[in-house]
C-alpha atoms as a PDB file:
ATOM      1  CA  UNK A   1     121.090  85.334 170.179  1.00  0.00           C
ATOM      2  CA  UNK A   2     124.803  84.295 169.330  1.00  0.00           C
ATOM      3  CA  UNK A   3     124.364  80.768 167.809  1.00  0.00           C
ATOM      4  CA  UNK A   4     128.147  80.052 169.145  1.00  0.00           C
ATOM      5  CA  UNK A   5     127.174  79.516 172.269  1.00  0.00           C
ATOM      6  CA  UNK A   6     124.445  77.570 171.293  1.00  0.00           C
ATOM      7  CA  UNK A   7     125.161  73.941 172.100  1.00  0.00           C
ATOM      8  CA  UNK A   8     126.001  75.266 175.897  1.00  0.00           C
ATOM      9  CA  UNK A   9     122.152  76.843 176.072  1.00  0.00           C
ATOM     10  CA  UNK A  10     120.619  74.136 174.932  1.00  0.00           C
ATOM     11  CA  UNK A  11     122.169  72.241 177.274  1.00  0.00           C
ATOM     12  CA  UNK A  12     121.421  74.537 180.280  1.00  0.00           C
ATOM     13  CA  UNK A  13     117.545  74.880 178.602  1.00  0.00           C
ATOM     14  CA  UNK A  14     116.976  70.903 178.384  1.00  0.00           C
ATOM     15  CA  UNK A  15     118.319  70.813 181.527  1.00  0.00           C
ATOM     16  CA  UNK A  16     119.848  66.689 181.244  1.00  0.00           C
ATOM     17  CA  UNK A  17     123.067  65.386 181.052  1.00  0.00           C
ATOM     18  CA  UNK A  18     123.849  66.375 177.359  1.00  0.00           C
ATOM     19  CA  UNK A  19     127.393  65.051 177.399  1.00  0.00           C
ATOM     20  CA  UNK A  20     125.578  61.827 176.565  1.00  0.00           C
ATOM     21  CA  UNK A  21     123.469  63.715 173.723  1.00  0.00           C
ATOM     22  CA  UNK A  22     125.197  63.955 169.797  1.00  0.00           C
ATOM     23  CA  UNK A  23     124.224  66.932 168.740  1.00  0.00           C
ATOM     24  CA  UNK A  24     121.292  66.561 166.842  1.00  0.00           C
ATOM     25  CA  UNK A  25     119.624  64.937 169.821  1.00  0.00           C
ATOM     26  CA  UNK A  26     120.360  68.199 171.512  1.00  0.00           C
ATOM     27  CA  UNK A  27     118.741  70.182 168.665  1.00  0.00           C
ATOM     28  CA  UNK A  28     115.645  67.667 168.394  1.00  0.00           C
ATOM     29  CA  UNK A  29     114.876  67.921 172.646  1.00  0.00           C
ATOM     30  CA  UNK A  30     115.329  71.758 172.262  1.00  0.00           C
ATOM     31  CA  UNK A  31     112.899  71.696 169.257  1.00  0.00           C
ATOM     32  CA  UNK A  32     110.303  69.666 171.375  1.00  0.00           C
ATOM     33  CA  UNK A  33     110.523  70.809 174.933  1.00  0.00           C
ATOM     34  CA  UNK A  34     108.024  70.766 177.248  1.00  0.00           C
ATOM     35  CA  UNK A  35     106.032  69.279 174.722  1.00  0.00           C
ATOM     36  CA  UNK A  36     103.986  65.639 175.945  1.00  0.00           C
ATOM     37  CA  UNK A  37     102.944  62.838 173.253  1.00  0.00           C
ATOM     38  CA  UNK A  38      99.217  61.342 174.103  1.00  0.00           C
ATOM     39  CA  UNK A  39     100.568  58.940 176.434  1.00  0.00           C
ATOM     40  CA  UNK A  40     102.342  62.126 178.645  1.00  0.00           C
ATOM     41  CA  UNK A  41     106.013  60.450 177.764  1.00  0.00           C
ATOM     42  CA  UNK A  42     108.191  63.799 176.512  1.00  0.00           C
ATOM     43  CA  UNK A  43     107.850  64.238 172.679  1.00  0.00           C
ATOM     44  CA  UNK A  44     111.589  64.314 171.974  1.00  0.00           C
ATOM     45  CA  UNK A  45     111.166  59.941 172.070  1.00  0.00           C
ATOM     46  CA  UNK A  46     109.412  60.096 169.456  1.00  0.00           C
ATOM     47  CA  UNK A  47     112.246  61.532 166.974  1.00  0.00           C
ATOM     48  CA  UNK A  48     114.213  59.492 169.011  1.00  0.00           C
ATOM     49  CA  UNK A  49     112.562  55.963 168.115  1.00  0.00           C
ATOM     50  CA  UNK A  50     111.625  57.361 164.514  1.00  0.00           C
ATOM     51  CA  UNK A  51     115.650  57.479 164.328  1.00  0.00           C
ATOM     52  CA  UNK A  52     116.531  54.100 165.524  1.00  0.00           C
ATOM     53  CA  UNK A  53     114.300  53.048 163.063  1.00  0.00           C
ATOM     54  CA  UNK A  54     116.221  54.627 160.075  1.00  0.00           C
ATOM     55  CA  UNK A  55     119.470  53.528 161.445  1.00  0.00           C
ATOM     56  CA  UNK A  56     117.954  49.611 161.255  1.00  0.00           C
ATOM     57  CA  UNK A  57     118.241  50.352 157.231  1.00  0.00           C
ATOM     58  CA  UNK A  58     120.778  53.363 156.435  1.00  0.00           C
ATOM     59  CA  UNK A  59     124.140  54.886 157.702  1.00  0.00           C
ATOM     60  CA  UNK A  60     124.367  57.975 157.023  1.00  0.00           C
ATOM     61  CA  UNK A  61     123.989  61.769 158.763  1.00  0.00           C
ATOM     62  CA  UNK A  62     121.610  63.240 156.779  1.00  0.00           C
ATOM     63  CA  UNK A  63     118.492  60.253 156.937  1.00  0.00           C
ATOM     64  CA  UNK A  64     119.878  60.218 161.214  1.00  0.00           C
ATOM     65  CA  UNK A  65     119.413  63.857 160.947  1.00  0.00           C
ATOM     66  CA  UNK A  66     116.444  64.498 159.473  1.00  0.00           C
ATOM     67  CA  UNK A  67     114.690  61.390 161.130  1.00  0.00           C
ATOM     68  CA  UNK A  68     115.867  63.276 164.459  1.00  0.00           C
ATOM     69  CA  UNK A  69     114.099  67.178 163.749  1.00  0.00           C
ATOM     70  CA  UNK A  70     111.187  65.823 161.353  1.00  0.00           C
ATOM     71  CA  UNK A  71     108.880  67.342 163.785  1.00  0.00           C
ATOM     72  CA  UNK A  72     111.200  70.267 165.234  1.00  0.00           C
ATOM     73  CA  UNK A  73     109.736  72.901 162.193  1.00  0.00           C
ATOM     74  CA  UNK A  74     106.045  71.673 162.817  1.00  0.00           C
ATOM     75  CA  UNK A  75     105.804  71.660 166.330  1.00  0.00           C
ATOM     76  CA  UNK A  76     108.888  73.462 167.826  1.00  0.00           C
ATOM     77  CA  UNK A  77     107.397  76.790 166.006  1.00  0.00           C
ATOM     78  CA  UNK A  78     103.978  76.940 167.434  1.00  0.00           C
ATOM     79  CA  UNK A  79     104.974  76.691 170.651  1.00  0.00           C
ATOM     80  CA  UNK A  80     107.304  78.188 170.630  1.00  0.00           C
ATOM     81  CA  UNK A  81     110.929  76.549 170.792  1.00  0.00           C
ATOM     82  CA  UNK A  82     111.984  78.225 168.058  1.00  0.00           C
ATOM     83  CA  UNK A  83     111.552  81.465 166.236  1.00  0.00           C
ATOM     84  CA  UNK A  84     110.729  80.522 162.643  1.00  0.00           C
ATOM     85  CA  UNK A  85     112.270  78.964 159.755  1.00  0.00           C
ATOM     86  CA  UNK A  86     115.376  80.327 158.884  1.00  0.00           C
ATOM     87  CA  UNK A  87     116.077  80.641 163.035  1.00  0.00           C
ATOM     88  CA  UNK A  88     116.063  76.528 162.561  1.00  0.00           C
ATOM     89  CA  UNK A  89     118.258  76.755 159.786  1.00  0.00           C
ATOM     90  CA  UNK A  90     120.514  79.009 161.914  1.00  0.00           C
ATOM     91  CA  UNK A  91     120.373  76.107 164.698  1.00  0.00           C
ATOM     92  CA  UNK A  92     120.947  73.599 162.471  1.00  0.00           C
ATOM     93  CA  UNK A  93     123.826  74.957 161.331  1.00  0.00           C
ATOM     94  CA  UNK A  94     125.196  75.499 164.945  1.00  0.00           C
ATOM     95  CA  UNK A  95     124.935  71.849 165.333  1.00  0.00           C
ATOM     96  CA  UNK A  96     126.529  69.917 162.370  1.00  0.00           C
ATOM     97  CA  UNK A  97     129.419  68.800 162.739  1.00  0.00           C
ATOM     98  CA  UNK A  98     132.211  70.951 160.426  1.00  0.00           C
ATOM     99  CA  UNK A  99     128.713  72.936 159.914  1.00  0.00           C
ATOM    100  CA  UNK A 100     128.744  70.948 156.365  1.00  0.00           C
ATOM    101  CA  UNK A 101     126.436  73.269 154.354  1.00  0.00           C
ATOM    102  CA  UNK A 102     125.360  71.143 151.742  1.00  0.00           C
ATOM    103  CA  UNK A 103     124.367  68.321 154.513  1.00  0.00           C
ATOM    104  CA  UNK A 104     122.598  70.916 156.639  1.00  0.00           C
ATOM    105  CA  UNK A 105     120.737  72.475 152.775  1.00  0.00           C
ATOM    106  CA  UNK A 106     119.509  68.467 152.690  1.00  0.00           C
ATOM    107  CA  UNK A 107     118.106  67.976 156.103  1.00  0.00           C
ATOM    108  CA  UNK A 108     116.370  71.699 156.128  1.00  0.00           C
ATOM    109  CA  UNK A 109     115.254  70.864 153.100  1.00  0.00           C
ATOM    110  CA  UNK A 110     114.102  67.461 154.198  1.00  0.00           C
ATOM    111  CA  UNK A 111     112.908  68.744 157.284  1.00  0.00           C
ATOM    112  CA  UNK A 112     110.698  71.244 155.181  1.00  0.00           C
ATOM    113  CA  UNK A 113     109.169  68.481 153.194  1.00  0.00           C
ATOM    114  CA  UNK A 114     108.659  66.283 156.620  1.00  0.00           C
ATOM    115  CA  UNK A 115     106.686  69.538 157.681  1.00  0.00           C
ATOM    116  CA  UNK A 116     102.895  69.151 156.564  1.00  0.00           C
ATOM    117  CA  UNK A 117     100.847  72.689 156.275  1.00  0.00           C
ATOM    118  CA  UNK A 118      97.041  72.079 157.832  1.00  0.00           C
ATOM    119  CA  UNK A 119      95.438  72.385 154.435  1.00  0.00           C
ATOM    120  CA  UNK A 120      97.503  70.712 151.843  1.00  0.00           C
ATOM    121  CA  UNK A 121      95.658  66.774 151.713  1.00  0.00           C
ATOM    122  CA  UNK A 122      97.939  64.547 153.137  1.00  0.00           C
ATOM    123  CA  UNK A 123      97.927  62.611 149.614  1.00  0.00           C
ATOM    124  CA  UNK A 124      99.440  65.269 148.330  1.00  0.00           C
ATOM    125  CA  UNK A 125     101.898  65.513 151.047  1.00  0.00           C
ATOM    126  CA  UNK A 126     103.077  61.395 150.953  1.00  0.00           C
ATOM    127  CA  UNK A 127     103.143  62.135 147.080  1.00  0.00           C
ATOM    128  CA  UNK A 128     105.653  65.126 147.373  1.00  0.00           C
ATOM    129  CA  UNK A 129     107.549  63.491 149.704  1.00  0.00           C
ATOM    130  CA  UNK A 130     108.593  61.214 147.230  1.00  0.00           C
ATOM    131  CA  UNK A 131     111.008  62.822 145.577  1.00  0.00           C
ATOM    132  CA  UNK A 132     112.942  63.491 148.405  1.00  0.00           C
ATOM    133  CA  UNK A 133     114.846  59.734 149.528  1.00  0.00           C
ATOM    134  CA  UNK A 134     115.747  61.199 153.210  1.00  0.00           C
ATOM    135  CA  UNK A 135     112.156  62.484 153.991  1.00  0.00           C
ATOM    136  CA  UNK A 136     110.259  59.498 152.432  1.00  0.00           C
ATOM    137  CA  UNK A 137     113.330  57.209 154.657  1.00  0.00           C
ATOM    138  CA  UNK A 138     111.714  59.255 157.786  1.00  0.00           C
ATOM    139  CA  UNK A 139     108.087  59.116 156.891  1.00  0.00           C
ATOM    140  CA  UNK A 140     108.093  55.792 156.349  1.00  0.00           C
ATOM    141  CA  UNK A 141     109.938  54.973 159.495  1.00  0.00           C
ATOM    142  CA  UNK A 142     107.704  57.803 161.262  1.00  0.00           C
ATOM    143  CA  UNK A 143     104.355  55.799 159.619  1.00  0.00           C
ATOM    144  CA  UNK A 144     106.128  52.581 161.112  1.00  0.00           C
ATOM    145  CA  UNK A 145     106.932  54.335 165.320  1.00  0.00           C
ATOM    146  CA  UNK A 146     103.052  56.141 165.021  1.00  0.00           C
ATOM    147  CA  UNK A 147     101.299  52.440 163.806  1.00  0.00           C
ATOM    148  CA  UNK A 148     103.496  50.727 166.632  1.00  0.00           C
ATOM    149  CA  UNK A 149     101.950  53.389 169.493  1.00  0.00           C
ATOM    150  CA  UNK A 150      98.266  52.937 169.877  1.00  0.00           C
ATOM    151  CA  UNK A 151      96.947  54.761 166.374  1.00  0.00           C
ATOM    152  CA  UNK A 152      93.601  56.333 166.598  1.00  0.00           C
ATOM    153  CA  UNK A 153      91.134  55.307 164.195  1.00  0.00           C
ATOM    154  CA  UNK A 154      91.948  58.337 162.031  1.00  0.00           C
ATOM    155  CA  UNK A 155      95.623  57.937 162.229  1.00  0.00           C
ATOM    156  CA  UNK A 156      95.261  54.114 160.854  1.00  0.00           C
ATOM    157  CA  UNK A 157      93.159  55.435 158.093  1.00  0.00           C
ATOM    158  CA  UNK A 158      95.386  57.132 157.260  1.00  0.00           C
ATOM    159  CA  UNK A 159      98.057  55.596 157.021  1.00  0.00           C
ATOM    160  CA  UNK A 160      96.873  52.357 155.151  1.00  0.00           C
ATOM    161  CA  UNK A 161      96.441  55.377 152.062  1.00  0.00           C
ATOM    162  CA  UNK A 162      99.756  56.664 152.541  1.00  0.00           C
ATOM    163  CA  UNK A 163     100.440  52.664 151.528  1.00  0.00           C
ATOM    164  CA  UNK A 164      97.785  52.480 149.036  1.00  0.00           C
ATOM    165  CA  UNK A 165      99.072  55.764 147.406  1.00  0.00           C
ATOM    166  CA  UNK A 166     103.019  54.571 147.805  1.00  0.00           C
ATOM    167  CA  UNK A 167     102.390  50.801 146.613  1.00  0.00           C
ATOM    168  CA  UNK A 168     100.250  52.021 143.452  1.00  0.00           C
ATOM    169  CA  UNK A 169     103.490  54.697 142.336  1.00  0.00           C
ATOM    170  CA  UNK A 170     105.959  51.611 142.980  1.00  0.00           C
ATOM    171  CA  UNK A 171     104.517  48.403 143.621  1.00  0.00           C
ATOM    172  CA  UNK A 172     106.753  45.608 145.189  1.00  0.00           C
ATOM    173  CA  UNK A 173     109.262  47.430 144.295  1.00  0.00           C
ATOM    174  CA  UNK A 174     111.436  49.815 146.943  1.00  0.00           C
ATOM    175  CA  UNK A 175     111.314  53.453 145.009  1.00  0.00           C
ATOM    176  CA  UNK A 176     115.109  54.507 144.598  1.00  0.00           C
ATOM    177  CA  UNK A 177     116.896  55.332 147.552  1.00  0.00           C
ATOM    178  CA  UNK A 178     114.954  53.105 149.929  1.00  0.00           C
ATOM    179  CA  UNK A 179     115.669  49.810 151.890  1.00  0.00           C
ATOM    180  CA  UNK A 180     113.571  46.706 150.295  1.00  0.00           C
ATOM    181  CA  UNK A 181     113.756  45.608 153.734  1.00  0.00           C
ATOM    182  CA  UNK A 182     112.623  48.967 155.137  1.00  0.00           C
ATOM    183  CA  UNK A 183     109.887  48.759 152.381  1.00  0.00           C
ATOM    184  CA  UNK A 184     108.655  45.051 153.596  1.00  0.00           C
ATOM    185  CA  UNK A 185     109.031  46.088 156.689  1.00  0.00           C
ATOM    186  CA  UNK A 186     106.953  49.147 155.921  1.00  0.00           C
ATOM    187  CA  UNK A 187     103.979  47.650 154.503  1.00  0.00           C
ATOM    188  CA  UNK A 188     104.161  44.354 157.315  1.00  0.00           C
ATOM    189  CA  UNK A 189     104.008  46.894 160.047  1.00  0.00           C
ATOM    190  CA  UNK A 190     100.654  48.825 157.968  1.00  0.00           C
ATOM    191  CA  UNK A 191      98.853  45.215 157.513  1.00  0.00           C
ATOM    192  CA  UNK A 192      99.893  43.434 161.137  1.00  0.00           C
ATOM    193  CA  UNK A 193      98.028  46.445 162.843  1.00  0.00           C
ATOM    194  CA  UNK A 194      95.016  46.443 159.984  1.00  0.00           C
ATOM    195  CA  UNK A 195      94.833  42.986 161.524  1.00  0.00           C
ATOM    196  CA  UNK A 196      95.145  43.933 165.603  1.00  0.00           C
END
């Protein structure tokens, strides 16, 4: 595929008014096209909600792009919307403003970090995210969004375990690069969901 015309192709495929969408939103919708949430809603609404959460705390493209694309490899490849990781990187490069390789590399590596493999223990996965500030910001927001959206018991237990692991590692002081408010809101959301 010629990636020069990717924006037009994506606009055609998602069949929406793509003029109102930014590049990351277009790529997110493309990666998740045809995918549904348990509620039946289009899946791409989840990454959009995660992006809305992170923009409350951070004002940078890397965090925003990572939020919108955090499930793109994990979901987009198995459902056939993205061929492989290399294709995802090429798509990402075609959509990054000015094709800034540093931003694209950072977002790509963050999305890779957020892509959990099936055999990976969840605690190991969470521990691995602590070395990537953009991935950790997005994972905290991802857990906040999922916990507010009628989580299963399995999800609930998983997120409580993640919170406990992170608190054990960092205590009440947020990890470097995580805002105090985001750290506190994350903890509050988990506790609120536990008592609901």
